[in-house]
Amino acid sequence: MKACPKCKSESKHRMRRKGIARLIPGSKGYACDKCNTEYTWFSIINISLKI
């Protein structure tokens, strides 16, 4: 889905992953263009979590 977990916007850009998310394969870091929330998307379970 890759939508922002805060505002549900699809507008985003890639960021570096932070913390433990760097060690998890299949995760990608994003920042929302609308609300500037940084979040990580986990492709294995198809869920977005706010950092």
C-alpha atoms as a PDB file:
ATOM      1  CA  MET A   1       0.000   0.000   0.000  1.00  0.00           C
ATOM      2  CA  LYS A   2       2.834   2.412   0.889  1.00  0.00           C
ATOM      3  CA  ALA A   3       0.379   5.122   2.046  1.00  0.00           C
ATOM      4  CA  CYS A   4       1.260   7.473   4.888  1.00  0.00           C
ATOM      5  CA  PRO A   5       0.047   5.976   8.201  1.00  0.00           C
ATOM      6  CA  LYS A   6      -0.886   9.444   9.501  1.00  0.00           C
ATOM      7  CA  CYS A   7      -2.755  11.184   6.652  1.00  0.00           C
ATOM      8  CA  LYS A   8      -3.192   8.233   4.198  1.00  0.00           C
ATOM      9  CA  SER A   9      -1.660  10.270   1.348  1.00  0.00           C
ATOM     10  CA  GLU A  10       0.040   8.451  -1.535  1.00  0.00           C
ATOM     11  CA  SER A  11       2.396  11.406  -2.221  1.00  0.00           C
ATOM     12  CA  LYS A  12       5.842  10.475  -0.867  1.00  0.00           C
ATOM     13  CA  HIS A  13       9.588  10.380  -1.487  1.00  0.00           C
ATOM     14  CA  ARG A  14      12.246   7.850  -0.477  1.00  0.00           C
ATOM     15  CA  MET A  15      14.373   8.351   2.633  1.00  0.00           C
ATOM     16  CA  ARG A  16      17.124   6.400   4.351  1.00  0.00           C
ATOM     17  CA  ARG A  17      15.875   3.783   6.784  1.00  0.00           C
ATOM     18  CA  LYS A  18      16.533   4.425  10.472  1.00  0.00           C
ATOM     19  CA  GLY A  19      17.192   2.194  13.458  1.00  0.00           C
ATOM     20  CA  ILE A  20      16.233  -1.452  13.369  1.00  0.00           C
ATOM     21  CA  ALA A  21      14.437  -1.016  10.018  1.00  0.00           C
ATOM     22  CA  ARG A  22      17.847  -1.022   8.282  1.00  0.00           C
ATOM     23  CA  LEU A  23      18.351  -4.632   9.341  1.00  0.00           C
ATOM     24  CA  ILE A  24      14.988  -5.919   8.098  1.00  0.00           C
ATOM     25  CA  PRO A  25      15.094  -7.062   4.465  1.00  0.00           C
ATOM     26  CA  GLY A  26      12.268  -5.783   2.281  1.00  0.00           C
ATOM     27  CA  SER A  27      11.681  -2.583   4.252  1.00  0.00           C
ATOM     28  CA  LYS A  28      11.804   0.852   2.610  1.00  0.00           C
ATOM     29  CA  GLY A  29      11.891   4.314   4.169  1.00  0.00           C
ATOM     30  CA  TYR A  30       9.596   7.096   2.959  1.00  0.00           C
ATOM     31  CA  ALA A  31       8.611  10.642   3.938  1.00  0.00           C
ATOM     32  CA  CYS A  32       5.140  11.999   3.218  1.00  0.00           C
ATOM     33  CA  ASP A  33       5.047  15.116   1.028  1.00  0.00           C
ATOM     34  CA  LYS A  34       1.789  16.299   2.580  1.00  0.00           C
ATOM     35  CA  CYS A  35       2.409  16.006   6.355  1.00  0.00           C
ATOM     36  CA  ASN A  36       6.213  15.365   6.373  1.00  0.00           C
ATOM     37  CA  THR A  37       5.864  12.167   8.445  1.00  0.00           C
ATOM     38  CA  GLU A  38       8.735   9.700   8.114  1.00  0.00           C
ATOM     39  CA  TYR A  39       7.629   6.068   7.949  1.00  0.00           C
ATOM     40  CA  THR A  40       8.860   2.628   6.949  1.00  0.00           C
ATOM     41  CA  TRP A  41       7.008   0.285   4.613  1.00  0.00           C
ATOM     42  CA  PHE A  42       7.492  -3.456   5.115  1.00  0.00           C
ATOM     43  CA  SER A  43       6.828  -5.281   1.841  1.00  0.00           C
ATOM     44  CA  ILE A  44       6.720  -8.718   3.466  1.00  0.00           C
ATOM     45  CA  ILE A  45       3.605  -7.911   5.508  1.00  0.00           C
ATOM     46  CA  ASN A  46       2.427  -4.910   3.394  1.00  0.00           C
ATOM     47  CA  ILE A  47       2.160  -2.446   6.283  1.00  0.00           C
ATOM     48  CA  SER A  48       3.425   1.100   6.896  1.00  0.00           C
ATOM     49  CA  LEU A  49       4.671   2.125  10.337  1.00  0.00           C
ATOM     50  CA  LYS A  50       5.562   5.600  11.589  1.00  0.00           C
ATOM     51  CA  ILE A  51       9.144   5.975  12.836  1.00  0.00           C
END
